[in-house]
PDB file of N, CA and C in Angstrom:
ATOM      1  N   UNK A   1       0.692 -12.933 -13.193  1.00  0.00           N
ATOM      2  CA  UNK A   1       0.003 -11.661 -13.119  1.00  0.00           C
ATOM      3  C   UNK A   1       0.807 -10.736 -12.212  1.00  0.00           C
ATOM      4  N   UNK A   2       0.898  -9.490 -12.589  1.00  0.00           N
ATOM      5  CA  UNK A   2       1.656  -8.547 -11.772  1.00  0.00           C
ATOM      6  C   UNK A   2       0.876  -7.247 -11.612  1.00  0.00           C
ATOM      7  N   UNK A   3       1.285  -6.479 -10.648  1.00  0.00           N
ATOM      8  CA  UNK A   3       0.660  -5.191 -10.367  1.00  0.00           C
ATOM      9  C   UNK A   3       1.776  -4.163 -10.211  1.00  0.00           C
ATOM     10  N   UNK A   4       1.654  -3.049 -10.904  1.00  0.00           N
ATOM     11  CA  UNK A   4       2.596  -1.950 -10.747  1.00  0.00           C
ATOM     12  C   UNK A   4       1.820  -0.780 -10.174  1.00  0.00           C
ATOM     13  N   UNK A   5       2.251  -0.298  -9.026  1.00  0.00           N
ATOM     14  CA  UNK A   5       1.535   0.780  -8.372  1.00  0.00           C
ATOM     15  C   UNK A   5       2.471   1.874  -7.904  1.00  0.00           C
ATOM     16  N   UNK A   6       1.899   3.024  -7.641  1.00  0.00           N
ATOM     17  CA  UNK A   6       2.628   4.161  -7.104  1.00  0.00           C
ATOM     18  C   UNK A   6       2.324   4.241  -5.624  1.00  0.00           C
ATOM     19  N   UNK A   7       3.365   4.238  -4.795  1.00  0.00           N
ATOM     20  CA  UNK A   7       3.117   4.295  -3.360  1.00  0.00           C
ATOM     21  C   UNK A   7       3.805   5.511  -2.749  1.00  0.00           C
ATOM     22  N   UNK A   8       3.195   6.002  -1.713  1.00  0.00           N
ATOM     23  CA  UNK A   8       3.754   7.091  -0.914  1.00  0.00           C
ATOM     24  C   UNK A   8       3.986   6.535   0.484  1.00  0.00           C
ATOM     25  N   UNK A   9       5.155   6.800   1.025  1.00  0.00           N
ATOM     26  CA  UNK A   9       5.467   6.360   2.381  1.00  0.00           C
ATOM     27  C   UNK A   9       5.722   7.610   3.218  1.00  0.00           C
ATOM     28  N   UNK A  10       4.959   7.747   4.301  1.00  0.00           N
ATOM     29  CA  UNK A  10       5.107   8.893   5.200  1.00  0.00           C
ATOM     30  C   UNK A  10       5.412   8.372   6.602  1.00  0.00           C
ATOM     31  N   UNK A  11       6.238   9.114   7.311  1.00  0.00           N
ATOM     32  CA  UNK A  11       6.504   8.773   8.707  1.00  0.00           C
ATOM     33  C   UNK A  11       5.510   9.539   9.571  1.00  0.00           C
ATOM     34  N   UNK A  12       4.772   8.800  10.389  1.00  0.00           N
ATOM     35  CA  UNK A  12       3.792   9.397  11.291  1.00  0.00           C
ATOM     36  C   UNK A  12       4.062   8.879  12.690  1.00  0.00           C
ATOM     37  N   UNK A  13       4.627   9.745  13.515  1.00  0.00           N
ATOM     38  CA  UNK A  13       5.055   9.403  14.869  1.00  0.00           C
ATOM     39  C   UNK A  13       6.019   8.229  14.819  1.00  0.00           C
ATOM     40  N   UNK A  14       5.672   7.080  15.381  1.00  0.00           N
ATOM     41  CA  UNK A  14       6.582   5.929  15.424  1.00  0.00           C
ATOM     42  C   UNK A  14       6.315   4.924  14.312  1.00  0.00           C
ATOM     43  N   UNK A  15       5.502   5.290  13.331  1.00  0.00           N
ATOM     44  CA  UNK A  15       5.106   4.356  12.270  1.00  0.00           C
ATOM     45  C   UNK A  15       5.442   4.924  10.900  1.00  0.00           C
ATOM     46  N   UNK A  16       5.614   4.036   9.934  1.00  0.00           N
ATOM     47  CA  UNK A  16       5.697   4.406   8.526  1.00  0.00           C
ATOM     48  C   UNK A  16       4.399   3.941   7.881  1.00  0.00           C
ATOM     49  N   UNK A  17       3.733   4.848   7.179  1.00  0.00           N
ATOM     50  CA  UNK A  17       2.459   4.540   6.531  1.00  0.00           C
ATOM     51  C   UNK A  17       2.686   4.532   5.022  1.00  0.00           C
ATOM     52  N   UNK A  18       2.362   3.408   4.393  1.00  0.00           N
ATOM     53  CA  UNK A  18       2.505   3.248   2.944  1.00  0.00           C
ATOM     54  C   UNK A  18       1.108   3.225   2.327  1.00  0.00           C
ATOM     55  N   UNK A  19       0.902   4.075   1.314  1.00  0.00           N
ATOM     56  CA  UNK A  19      -0.391   4.170   0.647  1.00  0.00           C
ATOM     57  C   UNK A  19      -0.203   3.991  -0.855  1.00  0.00           C
ATOM     58  N   UNK A  20      -1.019   3.149  -1.456  1.00  0.00           N
ATOM     59  CA  UNK A  20      -1.001   2.934  -2.898  1.00  0.00           C
ATOM     60  C   UNK A  20      -1.997   3.906  -3.529  1.00  0.00           C
ATOM     61  N   UNK A  21      -1.527   4.728  -4.453  1.00  0.00           N
ATOM     62  CA  UNK A  21      -2.381   5.756  -5.056  1.00  0.00           C
ATOM     63  C   UNK A  21      -3.421   5.193  -6.010  1.00  0.00           C
ATOM     64  N   UNK A  22      -3.127   4.084  -6.655  1.00  0.00           N
ATOM     65  CA  UNK A  22      -4.056   3.538  -7.650  1.00  0.00           C
ATOM     66  C   UNK A  22      -5.346   3.007  -7.033  1.00  0.00           C
ATOM     67  N   UNK A  23      -5.294   2.537  -5.805  1.00  0.00           N
ATOM     68  CA  UNK A  23      -6.477   1.917  -5.210  1.00  0.00           C
ATOM     69  C   UNK A  23      -6.756   2.401  -3.789  1.00  0.00           C
ATOM     70  N   UNK A  24      -5.991   3.358  -3.305  1.00  0.00           N
ATOM     71  CA  UNK A  24      -6.185   3.967  -1.981  1.00  0.00           C
ATOM     72  C   UNK A  24      -6.096   2.944  -0.847  1.00  0.00           C
ATOM     73  N   UNK A  25      -5.259   1.946  -1.021  1.00  0.00           N
ATOM     74  CA  UNK A  25      -5.012   0.964   0.035  1.00  0.00           C
ATOM     75  C   UNK A  25      -3.815   1.440   0.834  1.00  0.00           C
ATOM     76  N   UNK A  26      -3.898   1.324   2.153  1.00  0.00           N
ATOM     77  CA  UNK A  26      -2.807   1.765   3.012  1.00  0.00           C
ATOM     78  C   UNK A  26      -2.489   0.706   4.043  1.00  0.00           C
ATOM     79  N   UNK A  27      -1.247   0.732   4.508  1.00  0.00           N
ATOM     80  CA  UNK A  27      -0.804  -0.151   5.577  1.00  0.00           C
ATOM     81  C   UNK A  27       0.323   0.542   6.313  1.00  0.00           C
ATOM     82  N   UNK A  28       0.730  -0.015   7.423  1.00  0.00           N
ATOM     83  CA  UNK A  28       1.781   0.615   8.214  1.00  0.00           C
ATOM     84  C   UNK A  28       2.746  -0.411   8.767  1.00  0.00           C
ATOM     85  N   UNK A  29       3.876   0.077   9.244  1.00  0.00           N
ATOM     86  CA  UNK A  29       4.872  -0.784   9.861  1.00  0.00           C
ATOM     87  C   UNK A  29       5.840   0.051  10.663  1.00  0.00           C
ATOM     88  N   UNK A  30       6.604  -0.596  11.519  1.00  0.00           N
ATOM     89  CA  UNK A  30       7.597   0.103  12.339  1.00  0.00           C
ATOM     90  C   UNK A  30       8.809   0.531  11.509  1.00  0.00           C
ATOM     91  N   UNK A  31       9.033  -0.135  10.356  1.00  0.00           N
ATOM     92  CA  UNK A  31      10.109   0.232   9.436  1.00  0.00           C
ATOM     93  C   UNK A  31       9.506   0.432   8.053  1.00  0.00           C
ATOM     94  N   UNK A  32      10.275   1.046   7.165  1.00  0.00           N
ATOM     95  CA  UNK A  32       9.804   1.228   5.788  1.00  0.00           C
ATOM     96  C   UNK A  32       9.559  -0.123   5.126  1.00  0.00           C
ATOM     97  N   UNK A  33      10.493  -1.042   5.296  1.00  0.00           N
ATOM     98  CA  UNK A  33      10.326  -2.370   4.679  1.00  0.00           C
ATOM     99  C   UNK A  33       9.110  -3.101   5.228  1.00  0.00           C
ATOM    100  N   UNK A  34       8.859  -2.972   6.517  1.00  0.00           N
ATOM    101  CA  UNK A  34       7.676  -3.620   7.104  1.00  0.00           C
ATOM    102  C   UNK A  34       6.398  -2.994   6.554  1.00  0.00           C
ATOM    103  N   UNK A  35       6.386  -1.684   6.392  1.00  0.00           N
ATOM    104  CA  UNK A  35       5.209  -1.013   5.830  1.00  0.00           C
ATOM    105  C   UNK A  35       4.961  -1.467   4.396  1.00  0.00           C
ATOM    106  N   UNK A  36       6.026  -1.602   3.614  1.00  0.00           N
ATOM    107  CA  UNK A  36       5.892  -2.055   2.222  1.00  0.00           C
ATOM    108  C   UNK A  36       5.419  -3.499   2.181  1.00  0.00           C
ATOM    109  N   UNK A  37       5.989  -4.355   3.010  1.00  0.00           N
ATOM    110  CA  UNK A  37       5.555  -5.755   3.048  1.00  0.00           C
ATOM    111  C   UNK A  37       4.082  -5.865   3.436  1.00  0.00           C
ATOM    112  N   UNK A  38       3.663  -5.092   4.423  1.00  0.00           N
ATOM    113  CA  UNK A  38       2.260  -5.113   4.844  1.00  0.00           C
ATOM    114  C   UNK A  38       1.346  -4.574   3.745  1.00  0.00           C
ATOM    115  N   UNK A  39       1.831  -3.563   3.009  1.00  0.00           N
ATOM    116  CA  UNK A  39       1.035  -3.035   1.908  1.00  0.00           C
ATOM    117  C   UNK A  39       0.905  -4.061   0.784  1.00  0.00           C
ATOM    118  N   UNK A  40       1.991  -4.768   0.483  1.00  0.00           N
ATOM    119  CA  UNK A  40       1.923  -5.828  -0.534  1.00  0.00           C
ATOM    120  C   UNK A  40       0.869  -6.867  -0.166  1.00  0.00           C
ATOM    121  N   UNK A  41       0.842  -7.252   1.095  1.00  0.00           N
ATOM    122  CA  UNK A  41      -0.138  -8.237   1.559  1.00  0.00           C
ATOM    123  C   UNK A  41      -1.556  -7.690   1.418  1.00  0.00           C
ATOM    124  N   UNK A  42      -1.751  -6.421   1.787  1.00  0.00           N
ATOM    125  CA  UNK A  42      -3.080  -5.812   1.693  1.00  0.00           C
ATOM    126  C   UNK A  42      -3.544  -5.715   0.237  1.00  0.00           C
ATOM    127  N   UNK A  43      -2.633  -5.358  -0.659  1.00  0.00           N
ATOM    128  CA  UNK A  43      -2.983  -5.271  -2.085  1.00  0.00           C
ATOM    129  C   UNK A  43      -3.315  -6.645  -2.640  1.00  0.00           C
ATOM    130  N   UNK A  44      -2.546  -7.654  -2.257  1.00  0.00           N
ATOM    131  CA  UNK A  44      -2.817  -9.021  -2.722  1.00  0.00           C
ATOM    132  C   UNK A  44      -4.201  -9.476  -2.261  1.00  0.00           C
ATOM    133  N   UNK A  45      -4.570  -9.160  -1.033  1.00  0.00           N
ATOM    134  CA  UNK A  45      -5.895  -9.526  -0.532  1.00  0.00           C
ATOM    135  C   UNK A  45      -6.990  -8.764  -1.274  1.00  0.00           C
ATOM    136  N   UNK A  46      -6.741  -7.497  -1.560  1.00  0.00           N
ATOM    137  CA  UNK A  46      -7.714  -6.665  -2.271  1.00  0.00           C
ATOM    138  C   UNK A  46      -8.027  -7.237  -3.650  1.00  0.00           C
ATOM    139  N   UNK A  47      -6.983  -7.703  -4.354  1.00  0.00           N
ATOM    140  CA  UNK A  47      -7.150  -8.216  -5.706  1.00  0.00           C
ATOM    141  C   UNK A  47      -7.237  -9.740  -5.755  1.00  0.00           C
ATOM    142  N   UNK A  48      -7.452 -10.370  -4.636  1.00  0.00           N
ATOM    143  CA  UNK A  48      -7.451 -11.827  -4.545  1.00  0.00           C
ATOM    144  C   UNK A  48      -8.367 -12.486  -5.572  1.00  0.00           C
ATOM    145  N   UNK A  49      -9.533 -11.929  -5.791  1.00  0.00           N
ATOM    146  CA  UNK A  49     -10.497 -12.539  -6.707  1.00  0.00           C
ATOM    147  C   UNK A  49     -10.451 -11.933  -8.109  1.00  0.00           C
ATOM    148  N   UNK A  50      -9.584 -10.950  -8.311  1.00  0.00           N
ATOM    149  CA  UNK A  50      -9.471 -10.306  -9.618  1.00  0.00           C
ATOM    150  C   UNK A  50      -8.623 -11.158 -10.551  1.00  0.00           C
ATOM    151  N   UNK A  51      -9.036 -11.251 -11.793  1.00  0.00           N
ATOM    152  CA  UNK A  51      -8.261 -11.983 -12.785  1.00  0.00           C
ATOM    153  C   UNK A  51      -7.470 -11.046 -13.681  1.00  0.00           C
ATOM    154  N   UNK A  52      -7.798  -9.753 -13.652  1.00  0.00           N
ATOM    155  CA  UNK A  52      -7.147  -8.814 -14.553  1.00  0.00           C
ATOM    156  C   UNK A  52      -6.892  -7.493 -13.829  1.00  0.00           C
ATOM    157  N   UNK A  53      -5.637  -7.075 -13.788  1.00  0.00           N
ATOM    158  CA  UNK A  53      -5.268  -5.814 -13.146  1.00  0.00           C
ATOM    159  C   UNK A  53      -5.268  -4.656 -14.124  1.00  0.00           C
ATOM    160  N   UNK A  54      -5.724  -4.838 -15.339  1.00  0.00           N
ATOM    161  CA  UNK A  54      -5.527  -3.837 -16.388  1.00  0.00           C
ATOM    162  C   UNK A  54      -6.115  -2.473 -16.033  1.00  0.00           C
ATOM    163  N   UNK A  55      -7.224  -2.411 -15.336  1.00  0.00           N
ATOM    164  CA  UNK A  55      -7.816  -1.119 -14.998  1.00  0.00           C
ATOM    165  C   UNK A  55      -6.874  -0.338 -14.095  1.00  0.00           C
ATOM    166  N   UNK A  56      -6.358  -0.983 -13.057  1.00  0.00           N
ATOM    167  CA  UNK A  56      -5.462  -0.291 -12.129  1.00  0.00           C
ATOM    168  C   UNK A  56      -4.121   0.017 -12.779  1.00  0.00           C
ATOM    169  N   UNK A  57      -3.623  -0.865 -13.617  1.00  0.00           N
ATOM    170  CA  UNK A  57      -2.317  -0.660 -14.221  1.00  0.00           C
ATOM    171  C   UNK A  57      -2.311   0.482 -15.222  1.00  0.00           C
ATOM    172  N   UNK A  58      -3.416   0.731 -15.897  1.00  0.00           N
ATOM    173  CA  UNK A  58      -3.438   1.727 -16.961  1.00  0.00           C
ATOM    174  C   UNK A  58      -3.903   3.103 -16.492  1.00  0.00           C
ATOM    175  N   UNK A  59      -4.236   3.239 -15.233  1.00  0.00           N
ATOM    176  CA  UNK A  59      -4.681   4.517 -14.702  1.00  0.00           C
ATOM    177  C   UNK A  59      -3.487   5.463 -14.593  1.00  0.00           C
ATOM    178  N   UNK A  60      -3.633   6.680 -15.124  1.00  0.00           N
ATOM    179  CA  UNK A  60      -2.542   7.640 -15.052  1.00  0.00           C
ATOM    180  C   UNK A  60      -2.539   8.311 -13.690  1.00  0.00           C
ATOM    181  N   UNK A  61      -1.359   8.405 -13.106  1.00  0.00           N
ATOM    182  CA  UNK A  61      -1.202   9.044 -11.806  1.00  0.00           C
ATOM    183  C   UNK A  61      -0.160  10.143 -11.957  1.00  0.00           C
ATOM    184  N   UNK A  62      -0.457  11.300 -11.390  1.00  0.00           N
ATOM    185  CA  UNK A  62       0.478  12.409 -11.378  1.00  0.00           C
ATOM    186  C   UNK A  62       0.875  12.683  -9.941  1.00  0.00           C
ATOM    187  N   UNK A  63       2.179  12.766  -9.693  1.00  0.00           N
ATOM    188  CA  UNK A  63       2.679  13.015  -8.343  1.00  0.00           C
ATOM    189  C   UNK A  63       3.470  14.306  -8.368  1.00  0.00           C
ATOM    190  N   UNK A  64       3.155  15.178  -7.444  1.00  0.00           N
ATOM    191  CA  UNK A  64       3.848  16.450  -7.352  1.00  0.00           C
ATOM    192  C   UNK A  64       3.851  16.903  -5.901  1.00  0.00           C
ATOM    193  N   UNK A  65       4.481  18.019  -5.630  1.00  0.00           N
ATOM    194  CA  UNK A  65       4.462  18.585  -4.286  1.00  0.00           C
ATOM    195  C   UNK A  65       3.813  19.957  -4.349  1.00  0.00           C
ATOM    196  N   UNK A  66       3.345  20.409  -3.221  1.00  0.00           N
ATOM    197  CA  UNK A  66       2.707  21.715  -3.127  1.00  0.00           C
ATOM    198  C   UNK A  66       3.250  22.403  -1.888  1.00  0.00           C
ATOM    199  N   UNK A  67       3.740  23.617  -2.071  1.00  0.00           N
ATOM    200  CA  UNK A  67       4.193  24.412  -0.935  1.00  0.00           C
ATOM    201  C   UNK A  67       3.444  25.730  -0.976  1.00  0.00           C
ATOM    202  N   UNK A  68       2.888  26.125   0.166  1.00  0.00           N
ATOM    203  CA  UNK A  68       2.158  27.386   0.200  1.00  0.00           C
ATOM    204  C   UNK A  68       2.228  27.986   1.586  1.00  0.00           C
ATOM    205  N   UNK A  69       2.164  29.280   1.646  1.00  0.00           N
ATOM    206  CA  UNK A  69       2.143  29.995   2.928  1.00  0.00           C
ATOM    207  C   UNK A  69       0.714  29.999   3.444  1.00  0.00           C
ATOM    208  N   UNK A  70       0.577  29.789   4.712  1.00  0.00           N
ATOM    209  CA  UNK A  70      -0.768  29.791   5.319  1.00  0.00           C
ATOM    210  C   UNK A  70      -0.849  30.921   6.338  1.00  0.00           C
TER     211      UNK A  70
END
């Protein structure tokens, strides 16, 4: 069984925060790789009892940027 997700990684002060858009799970780490590893662990725990990822895998996600003057 596999999971394909869209993640956003942002640097916040001394941490990197990784968030999965399909399920709104987030984790952090001192490095990008640590944040991703921690997010993988969090996602695995979230779906621990799930037998089918099809709902999350088939959800359409759109990623874009927004710039505006305030």
